[in-house]
Amino acid sequence: MLYGRIVARIIRVPVVVNAVTGLGYVFIAQGIKASILRSPVKGAYRLALTQRNGRVLAGNPDDLELFVSLSLVKRSDAVSIMGAGVDMNEFRPSPEPEGAPVVILAARMLWDKGVAELVQAAQSLRNVGVKARFVLVRDSDQGNPASVSTAQLQAWQDSGVVKWWGQRNDMPHVFVSSHIVCLPSYGEGLPKVLVEAESCGRPIVRTDLPGCRHVVKDGLNGILISKKNVSALAEALEQLIENPPLRKQMGAHGRALAEVELSTEKVIAQRLSLYRDLLAWARYLFPCSISTRIHLRPCAAYFNTINRAPTGKVSANCSNNSTGILL
């Protein structure tokens, strides 16, 4: 993001959009290392995001408020659009598979994703005779200080408490194979896996955190629990494991919410509206700097669906796994 701003300044791009999906490990972790890094990282964010000729795009309203409270950006320079959207045709509802309910946690295998809490909850439910299968999906992120080691993941699988499926590139099929989606993480922006699970009509058990509340409505399409609370996690999972009608009801509500608020088409329309407004503003301030035609280059697959772009020149930077376009 910082590099993008420097390049945009060098080539005199009149308008810059920085899409920030979350602040990452440094702002989630509580250790000494994270504390030491927090101040310089905050300064880098402030340098990258503070600009008179652009906007900061937050993935949800809570993140926007956080950026403002940390003085990373002025409120007038930030907007919120809910995530990157989801392809409603690719991620479709399907009947639950037969057999014992399958609970999946699909995320990078990091301690702060609540992986250990799910394993402990699975063991607790197993001890009281609850019949279910618990599955971890995706690999370790060895570049992250919070990464769970491959040896630890293998040890959990060998114990029989959970299965570890590793990296999967067929997430629609993963959701078809599941009954419940769980993500008891310590801090998130707007996890795409939850949006996809909602679109697939699967109930969600999720930590009650800013950002995620806009996807998981407690008691409607999922259950919210407190952070690092293994007993609350086990209780919520048991409630859904033992109640198929409740799972079906919550899944239907989730799909309906996704169709209204989180479809790819809706998100694209919101982003293009933002770009057009900024271009109109830039043409007024820099009438000699805006070209009359542009070429759109996607930096996310879903933007391949756009055939026409507004005229002008806009740079959209991406932070973490965020999506945007360079115009």
C-alpha atoms as a PDB file:
ATOM      1  CA  MET A   1       0.000   0.000   0.000  1.00  0.00           C
ATOM      2  CA  LEU A   2       2.828   2.413   0.904  1.00  0.00           C
ATOM      3  CA  TYR A   3       4.696   1.472  -2.269  1.00  0.00           C
ATOM      4  CA  GLY A   4       1.524   2.005  -4.280  1.00  0.00           C
ATOM      5  CA  ARG A   5       1.158   5.507  -2.922  1.00  0.00           C
ATOM      6  CA  ILE A   6       4.792   6.332  -3.785  1.00  0.00           C
ATOM      7  CA  VAL A   7       4.404   5.011  -7.337  1.00  0.00           C
ATOM      8  CA  ALA A   8       1.106   6.857  -7.765  1.00  0.00           C
ATOM      9  CA  ARG A   9       2.818  10.092  -6.748  1.00  0.00           C
ATOM     10  CA  ILE A  10       5.756   9.506  -9.091  1.00  0.00           C
ATOM     11  CA  ILE A  11       3.550   8.886 -12.130  1.00  0.00           C
ATOM     12  CA  ARG A  12       1.168  11.657 -11.022  1.00  0.00           C
ATOM     13  CA  VAL A  13      -1.992   9.612 -10.596  1.00  0.00           C
ATOM     14  CA  PRO A  14      -4.608  12.194  -9.612  1.00  0.00           C
ATOM     15  CA  VAL A  15      -6.784   9.940  -7.417  1.00  0.00           C
ATOM     16  CA  VAL A  16      -5.817   7.023  -5.162  1.00  0.00           C
ATOM     17  CA  VAL A  17      -8.099   4.496  -3.465  1.00  0.00           C
ATOM     18  CA  ASN A  18      -6.547   2.375  -0.697  1.00  0.00           C
ATOM     19  CA  ALA A  19      -8.582  -0.735   0.133  1.00  0.00           C
ATOM     20  CA  VAL A  20      -7.714  -2.006   3.634  1.00  0.00           C
ATOM     21  CA  THR A  21      -9.215  -5.303   4.779  1.00  0.00           C
ATOM     22  CA  GLY A  22      -7.731  -5.266   8.287  1.00  0.00           C
ATOM     23  CA  LEU A  23      -4.714  -4.188  10.292  1.00  0.00           C
ATOM     24  CA  GLY A  24      -3.245  -7.670  10.748  1.00  0.00           C
ATOM     25  CA  TYR A  25      -1.056  -9.424  13.321  1.00  0.00           C
ATOM     26  CA  VAL A  26       0.569  -6.337  14.833  1.00  0.00           C
ATOM     27  CA  PHE A  27      -2.772  -4.930  15.965  1.00  0.00           C
ATOM     28  CA  ILE A  28      -4.267  -8.271  17.085  1.00  0.00           C
ATOM     29  CA  ALA A  29      -1.371  -9.818  19.044  1.00  0.00           C
ATOM     30  CA  GLN A  30      -0.703  -8.806  22.655  1.00  0.00           C
ATOM     31  CA  GLY A  31       2.975  -9.800  22.968  1.00  0.00           C
ATOM     32  CA  ILE A  32       6.055  -7.607  23.394  1.00  0.00           C
ATOM     33  CA  LYS A  33       7.077  -7.976  19.755  1.00  0.00           C
ATOM     34  CA  ALA A  34       3.700  -6.763  18.489  1.00  0.00           C
ATOM     35  CA  SER A  35       3.721  -3.884  20.970  1.00  0.00           C
ATOM     36  CA  ILE A  36       7.146  -2.729  19.769  1.00  0.00           C
ATOM     37  CA  LEU A  37       6.091  -2.906  16.119  1.00  0.00           C
ATOM     38  CA  ARG A  38       2.713  -1.247  16.596  1.00  0.00           C
ATOM     39  CA  SER A  39       3.941   2.360  16.709  1.00  0.00           C
ATOM     40  CA  PRO A  40       6.103   2.301  13.543  1.00  0.00           C
ATOM     41  CA  VAL A  41       3.472   0.282  11.665  1.00  0.00           C
ATOM     42  CA  LYS A  42       0.827   2.800  12.700  1.00  0.00           C
ATOM     43  CA  GLY A  43       3.071   5.558  11.378  1.00  0.00           C
ATOM     44  CA  ALA A  44       3.476   3.735   8.056  1.00  0.00           C
ATOM     45  CA  TYR A  45      -0.279   3.293   7.764  1.00  0.00           C
ATOM     46  CA  ARG A  46      -0.837   6.966   8.521  1.00  0.00           C
ATOM     47  CA  LEU A  47       1.703   7.976   5.880  1.00  0.00           C
ATOM     48  CA  ALA A  48       0.127   5.677   3.277  1.00  0.00           C
ATOM     49  CA  LEU A  49      -3.478   6.606   3.994  1.00  0.00           C
ATOM     50  CA  THR A  50      -3.227  10.343   4.563  1.00  0.00           C
ATOM     51  CA  GLN A  51      -3.674  12.090   1.243  1.00  0.00           C
ATOM     52  CA  ARG A  52      -5.785  14.873  -0.160  1.00  0.00           C
ATOM     53  CA  ASN A  53      -6.491  13.172  -3.475  1.00  0.00           C
ATOM     54  CA  GLY A  54      -8.138   9.891  -2.579  1.00  0.00           C
ATOM     55  CA  ARG A  55     -10.171   7.713  -0.273  1.00  0.00           C
ATOM     56  CA  VAL A  56      -9.594   4.858   2.150  1.00  0.00           C
ATOM     57  CA  LEU A  57     -11.933   1.943   1.560  1.00  0.00           C
ATOM     58  CA  ALA A  58     -12.749  -0.066   4.715  1.00  0.00           C
ATOM     59  CA  GLY A  59     -14.291  -3.517   4.489  1.00  0.00           C
ATOM     60  CA  ASN A  60     -16.974  -2.771   7.077  1.00  0.00           C
ATOM     61  CA  PRO A  61     -18.260   0.166   9.180  1.00  0.00           C
ATOM     62  CA  ASP A  62     -16.459  -1.006  12.338  1.00  0.00           C
ATOM     63  CA  ASP A  63     -13.072  -1.007  10.616  1.00  0.00           C
ATOM     64  CA  LEU A  64     -13.768   2.503   9.349  1.00  0.00           C
ATOM     65  CA  GLU A  65     -14.397   3.676  12.916  1.00  0.00           C
ATOM     66  CA  LEU A  66     -11.211   1.929  14.065  1.00  0.00           C
ATOM     67  CA  PHE A  67      -9.087   3.637  11.411  1.00  0.00           C
ATOM     68  CA  VAL A  68     -10.511   7.002  12.439  1.00  0.00           C
ATOM     69  CA  SER A  69     -10.028   6.344  16.184  1.00  0.00           C
ATOM     70  CA  LEU A  70      -6.365   5.432  15.578  1.00  0.00           C
ATOM     71  CA  SER A  71      -5.934   8.680  13.618  1.00  0.00           C
ATOM     72  CA  LEU A  72      -4.902   6.722  10.538  1.00  0.00           C
ATOM     73  CA  VAL A  73      -7.359   8.606   8.353  1.00  0.00           C
ATOM     74  CA  LYS A  74      -9.829  11.465   8.538  1.00  0.00           C
ATOM     75  CA  ARG A  75     -13.467  10.442   8.576  1.00  0.00           C
ATOM     76  CA  SER A  76     -14.142  12.584   5.512  1.00  0.00           C
ATOM     77  CA  ASP A  77     -11.517  10.611   3.563  1.00  0.00           C
ATOM     78  CA  ALA A  78     -12.885   7.124   4.307  1.00  0.00           C
ATOM     79  CA  VAL A  79     -15.826   5.048   3.120  1.00  0.00           C
ATOM     80  CA  SER A  80     -17.081   1.556   3.915  1.00  0.00           C
ATOM     81  CA  ILE A  81     -18.106  -1.121   1.420  1.00  0.00           C
ATOM     82  CA  MET A  82     -18.855  -4.607   2.714  1.00  0.00           C
ATOM     83  CA  GLY A  83     -15.991  -6.825   1.627  1.00  0.00           C
ATOM     84  CA  ALA A  84     -15.310  -8.104  -1.861  1.00  0.00           C
ATOM     85  CA  GLY A  85     -18.697  -9.710  -2.384  1.00  0.00           C
ATOM     86  CA  VAL A  86     -19.484 -13.313  -3.237  1.00  0.00           C
ATOM     87  CA  ASP A  87     -20.523 -15.049  -6.447  1.00  0.00           C
ATOM     88  CA  MET A  88     -24.032 -16.197  -5.578  1.00  0.00           C
ATOM     89  CA  ASN A  89     -24.039 -18.732  -8.421  1.00  0.00           C
ATOM     90  CA  GLU A  90     -20.763 -20.380  -7.443  1.00  0.00           C
ATOM     91  CA  PHE A  91     -21.571 -20.486  -3.729  1.00  0.00           C
ATOM     92  CA  ARG A  92     -25.100 -21.910  -3.746  1.00  0.00           C
ATOM     93  CA  PRO A  93     -27.155 -23.557  -0.994  1.00  0.00           C
ATOM     94  CA  SER A  94     -27.190 -27.357  -1.001  1.00  0.00           C
ATOM     95  CA  PRO A  95     -28.802 -30.071   1.137  1.00  0.00           C
ATOM     96  CA  GLU A  96     -26.775 -31.163   4.138  1.00  0.00           C
ATOM     97  CA  PRO A  97     -24.719 -34.332   3.592  1.00  0.00           C
ATOM     98  CA  GLU A  98     -25.755 -37.477   5.385  1.00  0.00           C
ATOM     99  CA  GLY A  99     -23.941 -38.690   8.457  1.00  0.00           C
ATOM    100  CA  ALA A 100     -22.622 -37.006  11.573  1.00  0.00           C
ATOM    101  CA  PRO A 101     -22.585 -33.181  11.364  1.00  0.00           C
ATOM    102  CA  VAL A 102     -19.339 -31.723  10.026  1.00  0.00           C
ATOM    103  CA  VAL A 103     -18.003 -28.516  11.595  1.00  0.00           C
ATOM    104  CA  ILE A 104     -15.324 -26.719   9.570  1.00  0.00           C
ATOM    105  CA  LEU A 105     -12.889 -23.967  10.419  1.00  0.00           C
ATOM    106  CA  ALA A 106     -11.520 -22.652   7.120  1.00  0.00           C
ATOM    107  CA  ALA A 107      -8.789 -20.059   7.617  1.00  0.00           C
ATOM    108  CA  ARG A 108      -5.043 -19.698   7.716  1.00  0.00           C
ATOM    109  CA  MET A 109      -3.838 -21.966  10.502  1.00  0.00           C
ATOM    110  CA  LEU A 110      -2.940 -19.246  12.995  1.00  0.00           C
ATOM    111  CA  TRP A 111      -3.367 -19.314  16.754  1.00  0.00           C
ATOM    112  CA  ASP A 112      -5.305 -16.038  16.589  1.00  0.00           C
ATOM    113  CA  LYS A 113      -7.878 -17.665  14.287  1.00  0.00           C
ATOM    114  CA  GLY A 114      -9.085 -19.619  17.327  1.00  0.00           C
ATOM    115  CA  VAL A 115      -7.780 -22.945  16.040  1.00  0.00           C
ATOM    116  CA  ALA A 116      -6.774 -24.177  19.506  1.00  0.00           C
ATOM    117  CA  GLU A 117     -10.152 -23.154  20.928  1.00  0.00           C
ATOM    118  CA  LEU A 118     -11.961 -25.239  18.310  1.00  0.00           C
ATOM    119  CA  VAL A 119      -9.767 -28.256  19.060  1.00  0.00           C
ATOM    120  CA  GLN A 120     -10.474 -27.887  22.787  1.00  0.00           C
ATOM    121  CA  ALA A 121     -14.208 -27.491  22.156  1.00  0.00           C
ATOM    122  CA  ALA A 122     -14.172 -30.571  19.915  1.00  0.00           C
ATOM    123  CA  GLN A 123     -12.469 -32.593  22.652  1.00  0.00           C
ATOM    124  CA  SER A 124     -14.974 -31.325  25.224  1.00  0.00           C
ATOM    125  CA  LEU A 125     -17.946 -32.330  23.066  1.00  0.00           C
ATOM    126  CA  ARG A 126     -16.377 -35.688  22.299  1.00  0.00           C
ATOM    127  CA  ASN A 127     -15.975 -36.329  26.041  1.00  0.00           C
ATOM    128  CA  VAL A 128     -19.725 -35.905  26.624  1.00  0.00           C
ATOM    129  CA  GLY A 129     -20.723 -38.085  23.693  1.00  0.00           C
ATOM    130  CA  VAL A 130     -21.692 -35.485  21.082  1.00  0.00           C
ATOM    131  CA  LYS A 131     -21.407 -37.062  17.638  1.00  0.00           C
ATOM    132  CA  ALA A 132     -19.777 -34.754  15.112  1.00  0.00           C
ATOM    133  CA  ARG A 133     -16.685 -34.362  12.953  1.00  0.00           C
ATOM    134  CA  PHE A 134     -14.432 -31.319  13.243  1.00  0.00           C
ATOM    135  CA  VAL A 135     -12.299 -30.243  10.285  1.00  0.00           C
ATOM    136  CA  LEU A 136      -9.511 -27.684   9.860  1.00  0.00           C
ATOM    137  CA  VAL A 137      -9.121 -26.353   6.313  1.00  0.00           C
ATOM    138  CA  ARG A 138      -6.057 -24.546   4.887  1.00  0.00           C
ATOM    139  CA  ASP A 139      -2.341 -24.636   5.651  1.00  0.00           C
ATOM    140  CA  SER A 140      -0.013 -22.951   8.088  1.00  0.00           C
ATOM    141  CA  ASP A 141       1.250 -19.479   7.258  1.00  0.00           C
ATOM    142  CA  GLN A 142       4.906 -19.898   8.152  1.00  0.00           C
ATOM    143  CA  GLY A 143       5.626 -16.219   7.499  1.00  0.00           C
ATOM    144  CA  ASN A 144       3.259 -15.200  10.291  1.00  0.00           C
ATOM    145  CA  PRO A 145       4.507 -15.205  13.920  1.00  0.00           C
ATOM    146  CA  ALA A 146       1.131 -16.608  15.009  1.00  0.00           C
ATOM    147  CA  SER A 147       1.351 -19.642  12.711  1.00  0.00           C
ATOM    148  CA  VAL A 148       0.392 -23.071  14.035  1.00  0.00           C
ATOM    149  CA  SER A 149       3.156 -25.512  13.109  1.00  0.00           C
ATOM    150  CA  THR A 150       2.543 -28.342  10.679  1.00  0.00           C
ATOM    151  CA  ALA A 151       3.709 -30.739  13.404  1.00  0.00           C
ATOM    152  CA  GLN A 152       1.016 -29.468  15.770  1.00  0.00           C
ATOM    153  CA  LEU A 153      -1.693 -29.766  13.117  1.00  0.00           C
ATOM    154  CA  GLN A 154      -0.586 -33.309  12.345  1.00  0.00           C
ATOM    155  CA  ALA A 155      -0.567 -34.166  16.056  1.00  0.00           C
ATOM    156  CA  TRP A 156      -4.149 -32.951  16.418  1.00  0.00           C
ATOM    157  CA  GLN A 157      -5.189 -35.075  13.454  1.00  0.00           C
ATOM    158  CA  ASP A 158      -3.368 -38.126  14.818  1.00  0.00           C
ATOM    159  CA  SER A 159      -5.255 -37.730  18.106  1.00  0.00           C
ATOM    160  CA  GLY A 160      -8.543 -38.190  16.232  1.00  0.00           C
ATOM    161  CA  VAL A 161     -10.130 -35.057  17.699  1.00  0.00           C
ATOM    162  CA  VAL A 162     -10.037 -33.121  14.409  1.00  0.00           C
ATOM    163  CA  LYS A 163      -9.262 -33.745  10.754  1.00  0.00           C
ATOM    164  CA  TRP A 164      -6.854 -31.488   8.903  1.00  0.00           C
ATOM    165  CA  TRP A 165      -7.667 -31.216   5.202  1.00  0.00           C
ATOM    166  CA  GLY A 166      -4.915 -28.729   4.424  1.00  0.00           C
ATOM    167  CA  GLN A 167      -5.124 -26.251   1.578  1.00  0.00           C
ATOM    168  CA  ARG A 168      -8.234 -26.563  -0.566  1.00  0.00           C
ATOM    169  CA  ASN A 169      -9.010 -24.758  -3.797  1.00  0.00           C
ATOM    170  CA  ASP A 170     -12.561 -26.091  -4.058  1.00  0.00           C
ATOM    171  CA  MET A 171     -14.303 -24.155  -1.288  1.00  0.00           C
ATOM    172  CA  PRO A 172     -17.809 -24.548  -2.747  1.00  0.00           C
ATOM    173  CA  HIS A 173     -17.368 -28.322  -2.420  1.00  0.00           C
ATOM    174  CA  VAL A 174     -15.971 -27.905   1.118  1.00  0.00           C
ATOM    175  CA  PHE A 175     -19.147 -26.081   2.143  1.00  0.00           C
ATOM    176  CA  VAL A 176     -21.304 -28.758   0.468  1.00  0.00           C
ATOM    177  CA  SER A 177     -19.503 -31.294   2.675  1.00  0.00           C
ATOM    178  CA  SER A 178     -20.188 -29.340   5.858  1.00  0.00           C
ATOM    179  CA  HIS A 179     -23.086 -28.621   8.203  1.00  0.00           C
ATOM    180  CA  ILE A 180     -21.670 -25.766  10.315  1.00  0.00           C
ATOM    181  CA  VAL A 181     -18.961 -23.160   9.716  1.00  0.00           C
ATOM    182  CA  CYS A 182     -16.966 -21.926  12.688  1.00  0.00           C
ATOM    183  CA  LEU A 183     -14.442 -19.078  13.048  1.00  0.00           C
ATOM    184  CA  PRO A 184     -13.602 -18.224  16.691  1.00  0.00           C
ATOM    185  CA  SER A 185     -10.796 -15.809  15.799  1.00  0.00           C
ATOM    186  CA  TYR A 186      -9.497 -12.956  17.939  1.00  0.00           C
ATOM    187  CA  GLY A 187      -9.793 -10.155  15.354  1.00  0.00           C
ATOM    188  CA  GLU A 188     -10.949  -9.855  11.744  1.00  0.00           C
ATOM    189  CA  GLY A 189     -12.031  -7.350   9.153  1.00  0.00           C
ATOM    190  CA  LEU A 190     -14.718  -9.144   7.154  1.00  0.00           C
ATOM    191  CA  PRO A 191     -13.608 -12.761   6.554  1.00  0.00           C
ATOM    192  CA  LYS A 192     -14.527 -13.887   3.059  1.00  0.00           C
ATOM    193  CA  VAL A 193     -15.078 -17.448   4.275  1.00  0.00           C
ATOM    194  CA  LEU A 194     -18.040 -16.239   6.355  1.00  0.00           C
ATOM    195  CA  VAL A 195     -19.585 -14.449   3.392  1.00  0.00           C
ATOM    196  CA  GLU A 196     -19.166 -17.607   1.288  1.00  0.00           C
ATOM    197  CA  ALA A 197     -20.601 -19.800   4.049  1.00  0.00           C
ATOM    198  CA  GLU A 198     -23.588 -17.474   4.346  1.00  0.00           C
ATOM    199  CA  SER A 199     -24.150 -17.631   0.590  1.00  0.00           C
ATOM    200  CA  CYS A 200     -24.043 -21.444   0.794  1.00  0.00           C
ATOM    201  CA  GLY A 201     -26.730 -21.457   3.453  1.00  0.00           C
ATOM    202  CA  ARG A 202     -24.585 -22.762   6.290  1.00  0.00           C
ATOM    203  CA  PRO A 203     -25.089 -21.550   9.885  1.00  0.00           C
ATOM    204  CA  ILE A 204     -22.076 -19.832  11.442  1.00  0.00           C
ATOM    205  CA  VAL A 205     -20.538 -19.823  14.919  1.00  0.00           C
ATOM    206  CA  ARG A 206     -18.396 -16.743  15.227  1.00  0.00           C
ATOM    207  CA  THR A 207     -16.600 -14.618  17.789  1.00  0.00           C
ATOM    208  CA  ASP A 208     -18.542 -11.454  18.617  1.00  0.00           C
ATOM    209  CA  LEU A 209     -16.156  -8.953  17.042  1.00  0.00           C
ATOM    210  CA  PRO A 210     -16.467  -5.676  15.145  1.00  0.00           C
ATOM    211  CA  GLY A 211     -16.905  -6.256  11.424  1.00  0.00           C
ATOM    212  CA  CYS A 212     -18.244  -9.775  11.690  1.00  0.00           C
ATOM    213  CA  ARG A 213     -21.448  -8.580  13.327  1.00  0.00           C
ATOM    214  CA  HIS A 214     -22.435  -7.224   9.933  1.00  0.00           C
ATOM    215  CA  VAL A 215     -22.368 -10.772   8.513  1.00  0.00           C
ATOM    216  CA  VAL A 216     -23.459 -12.906  11.467  1.00  0.00           C
ATOM    217  CA  LYS A 217     -26.687 -11.767  13.107  1.00  0.00           C
ATOM    218  CA  ASP A 218     -26.813 -13.503  16.470  1.00  0.00           C
ATOM    219  CA  GLY A 219     -29.706 -15.957  16.619  1.00  0.00           C
ATOM    220  CA  LEU A 220     -30.730 -15.286  13.018  1.00  0.00           C
ATOM    221  CA  ASN A 221     -28.102 -16.858  10.754  1.00  0.00           C
ATOM    222  CA  GLY A 222     -25.582 -17.898  13.381  1.00  0.00           C
ATOM    223  CA  ILE A 223     -24.406 -17.671  16.972  1.00  0.00           C
ATOM    224  CA  LEU A 224     -21.953 -15.111  18.331  1.00  0.00           C
ATOM    225  CA  ILE A 225     -19.688 -16.028  21.250  1.00  0.00           C
ATOM    226  CA  SER A 226     -17.108 -14.206  23.352  1.00  0.00           C
ATOM    227  CA  LYS A 227     -13.424 -14.341  22.408  1.00  0.00           C
ATOM    228  CA  LYS A 228     -11.251 -17.213  23.720  1.00  0.00           C
ATOM    229  CA  ASN A 229     -14.271 -18.795  25.445  1.00  0.00           C
ATOM    230  CA  VAL A 230     -14.013 -22.549  24.848  1.00  0.00           C
ATOM    231  CA  SER A 231     -17.109 -23.437  26.885  1.00  0.00           C
ATOM    232  CA  ALA A 232     -19.267 -20.904  25.008  1.00  0.00           C
ATOM    233  CA  LEU A 233     -17.910 -22.221  21.710  1.00  0.00           C
ATOM    234  CA  ALA A 234     -18.688 -25.826  22.682  1.00  0.00           C
ATOM    235  CA  GLU A 235     -22.185 -24.860  23.827  1.00  0.00           C
ATOM    236  CA  ALA A 236     -22.968 -23.002  20.591  1.00  0.00           C
ATOM    237  CA  LEU A 237     -21.667 -25.852  18.444  1.00  0.00           C
ATOM    238  CA  GLU A 238     -23.622 -28.448  20.429  1.00  0.00           C
ATOM    239  CA  GLN A 239     -26.795 -26.407  19.992  1.00  0.00           C
ATOM    240  CA  LEU A 240     -26.427 -26.525  16.207  1.00  0.00           C
ATOM    241  CA  ILE A 241     -25.103 -30.088  16.041  1.00  0.00           C
ATOM    242  CA  GLU A 242     -28.155 -31.418  17.901  1.00  0.00           C
ATOM    243  CA  ASN A 243     -30.751 -29.294  16.069  1.00  0.00           C
ATOM    244  CA  PRO A 244     -31.004 -29.865  12.289  1.00  0.00           C
ATOM    245  CA  PRO A 245     -34.148 -27.673  11.890  1.00  0.00           C
ATOM    246  CA  LEU A 246     -32.310 -24.757  13.522  1.00  0.00           C
ATOM    247  CA  ARG A 247     -29.371 -25.241  11.146  1.00  0.00           C
ATOM    248  CA  LYS A 248     -31.721 -25.194   8.176  1.00  0.00           C
ATOM    249  CA  GLN A 249     -33.525 -22.093   9.419  1.00  0.00           C
ATOM    250  CA  MET A 250     -30.309 -20.174  10.093  1.00  0.00           C
ATOM    251  CA  GLY A 251     -28.835 -21.238   6.761  1.00  0.00           C
ATOM    252  CA  ALA A 252     -31.878 -19.927   4.878  1.00  0.00           C
ATOM    253  CA  HIS A 253     -31.665 -16.586   6.696  1.00  0.00           C
ATOM    254  CA  GLY A 254     -27.972 -16.360   5.876  1.00  0.00           C
ATOM    255  CA  ARG A 255     -28.543 -16.911   2.175  1.00  0.00           C
ATOM    256  CA  ALA A 256     -31.268 -14.246   2.136  1.00  0.00           C
ATOM    257  CA  LEU A 257     -28.953 -11.734   3.849  1.00  0.00           C
ATOM    258  CA  ALA A 258     -26.141 -12.491   1.393  1.00  0.00           C
ATOM    259  CA  GLU A 259     -28.416 -11.962  -1.600  1.00  0.00           C
ATOM    260  CA  VAL A 260     -29.461  -8.530  -0.332  1.00  0.00           C
ATOM    261  CA  GLU A 261     -26.144  -7.178   0.972  1.00  0.00           C
ATOM    262  CA  LEU A 262     -23.135  -9.178  -0.208  1.00  0.00           C
ATOM    263  CA  SER A 263     -23.464 -10.228  -3.841  1.00  0.00           C
ATOM    264  CA  THR A 264     -20.537  -9.514  -6.159  1.00  0.00           C
ATOM    265  CA  GLU A 265     -22.775  -7.404  -8.388  1.00  0.00           C
ATOM    266  CA  LYS A 266     -23.800  -5.156  -5.489  1.00  0.00           C
ATOM    267  CA  VAL A 267     -20.222  -4.667  -4.278  1.00  0.00           C
ATOM    268  CA  ILE A 268     -18.922  -3.940  -7.786  1.00  0.00           C
ATOM    269  CA  ALA A 269     -21.671  -1.372  -8.311  1.00  0.00           C
ATOM    270  CA  GLN A 270     -20.778   0.349  -5.038  1.00  0.00           C
ATOM    271  CA  ARG A 271     -17.081   0.457  -5.896  1.00  0.00           C
ATOM    272  CA  LEU A 272     -17.636   1.776  -9.404  1.00  0.00           C
ATOM    273  CA  SER A 273     -19.925   4.446  -7.992  1.00  0.00           C
ATOM    274  CA  LEU A 274     -17.109   5.502  -5.654  1.00  0.00           C
ATOM    275  CA  TYR A 275     -14.611   5.607  -8.531  1.00  0.00           C
ATOM    276  CA  ARG A 276     -16.951   7.679 -10.695  1.00  0.00           C
ATOM    277  CA  ASP A 277     -17.510  10.198  -7.884  1.00  0.00           C
ATOM    278  CA  LEU A 278     -13.762  10.523  -7.334  1.00  0.00           C
ATOM    279  CA  LEU A 279     -13.127  10.938 -11.057  1.00  0.00           C
ATOM    280  CA  ALA A 280     -15.687  13.716 -11.244  1.00  0.00           C
ATOM    281  CA  TRP A 281     -13.956  15.420  -8.321  1.00  0.00           C
ATOM    282  CA  ALA A 282     -10.523  14.939  -9.912  1.00  0.00           C
ATOM    283  CA  ARG A 283     -11.642  16.372 -13.240  1.00  0.00           C
ATOM    284  CA  TYR A 284     -12.765  19.502 -11.443  1.00  0.00           C
ATOM    285  CA  LEU A 285      -9.483  19.918  -9.524  1.00  0.00           C
ATOM    286  CA  PHE A 286      -7.054  18.648 -12.181  1.00  0.00           C
ATOM    287  CA  PRO A 287      -8.686  19.304 -15.568  1.00  0.00           C
ATOM    288  CA  CYS A 288      -5.369  18.965 -17.398  1.00  0.00           C
ATOM    289  CA  SER A 289      -4.283  15.761 -15.643  1.00  0.00           C
ATOM    290  CA  ILE A 290      -7.168  13.432 -16.447  1.00  0.00           C
ATOM    291  CA  SER A 291      -7.003  11.445 -19.641  1.00  0.00           C
ATOM    292  CA  THR A 292     -10.214  10.983 -21.585  1.00  0.00           C
ATOM    293  CA  ARG A 293      -9.876   7.222 -21.869  1.00  0.00           C
ATOM    294  CA  ILE A 294      -8.444   4.545 -19.602  1.00  0.00           C
ATOM    295  CA  HIS A 295      -7.720   0.830 -19.686  1.00  0.00           C
ATOM    296  CA  LEU A 296      -8.951  -1.244 -16.778  1.00  0.00           C
ATOM    297  CA  ARG A 297      -6.594  -3.861 -15.374  1.00  0.00           C
ATOM    298  CA  PRO A 298      -8.144  -6.189 -12.781  1.00  0.00           C
ATOM    299  CA  CYS A 299      -6.245  -7.191  -9.641  1.00  0.00           C
ATOM    300  CA  ALA A 300      -9.079  -9.474  -8.525  1.00  0.00           C
ATOM    301  CA  ALA A 301     -10.801 -12.155 -10.544  1.00  0.00           C
ATOM    302  CA  TYR A 302     -14.306 -10.860 -10.049  1.00  0.00           C
ATOM    303  CA  PHE A 303     -13.483  -7.602 -11.806  1.00  0.00           C
ATOM    304  CA  ASN A 304     -13.146  -9.596 -15.030  1.00  0.00           C
ATOM    305  CA  THR A 305     -16.923  -9.270 -15.250  1.00  0.00           C
ATOM    306  CA  ILE A 306     -16.621  -5.523 -15.881  1.00  0.00           C
ATOM    307  CA  ASN A 307     -16.570  -4.691 -19.595  1.00  0.00           C
ATOM    308  CA  ARG A 308     -16.646  -0.918 -19.380  1.00  0.00           C
ATOM    309  CA  ALA A 309     -14.924   1.502 -17.027  1.00  0.00           C
ATOM    310  CA  PRO A 310     -15.538   5.151 -16.258  1.00  0.00           C
ATOM    311  CA  THR A 311     -13.257   7.599 -17.999  1.00  0.00           C
ATOM    312  CA  GLY A 312     -10.332   9.057 -16.113  1.00  0.00           C
ATOM    313  CA  LYS A 313      -7.411   7.742 -14.123  1.00  0.00           C
ATOM    314  CA  VAL A 314      -7.634   6.229 -10.664  1.00  0.00           C
ATOM    315  CA  SER A 315      -5.196   4.099  -8.707  1.00  0.00           C
ATOM    316  CA  ALA A 316      -6.645   1.542  -6.326  1.00  0.00           C
ATOM    317  CA  ASN A 317      -4.112  -0.028  -3.981  1.00  0.00           C
ATOM    318  CA  CYS A 318      -4.658  -3.329  -2.192  1.00  0.00           C
ATOM    319  CA  SER A 319      -3.662  -4.129   1.403  1.00  0.00           C
ATOM    320  CA  ASN A 320      -3.418  -7.719   2.702  1.00  0.00           C
ATOM    321  CA  ASN A 321      -5.967  -9.737   0.692  1.00  0.00           C
ATOM    322  CA  SER A 322      -8.106  -6.799  -0.308  1.00  0.00           C
ATOM    323  CA  THR A 323      -9.359  -6.306  -3.806  1.00  0.00           C
ATOM    324  CA  GLY A 324      -9.258  -3.302  -6.046  1.00  0.00           C
ATOM    325  CA  ILE A 325      -8.392  -2.140  -9.535  1.00  0.00           C
ATOM    326  CA  LEU A 326      -5.675  -0.047 -11.079  1.00  0.00           C
ATOM    327  CA  LEU A 327      -7.216   2.280 -13.585  1.00  0.00           C
END
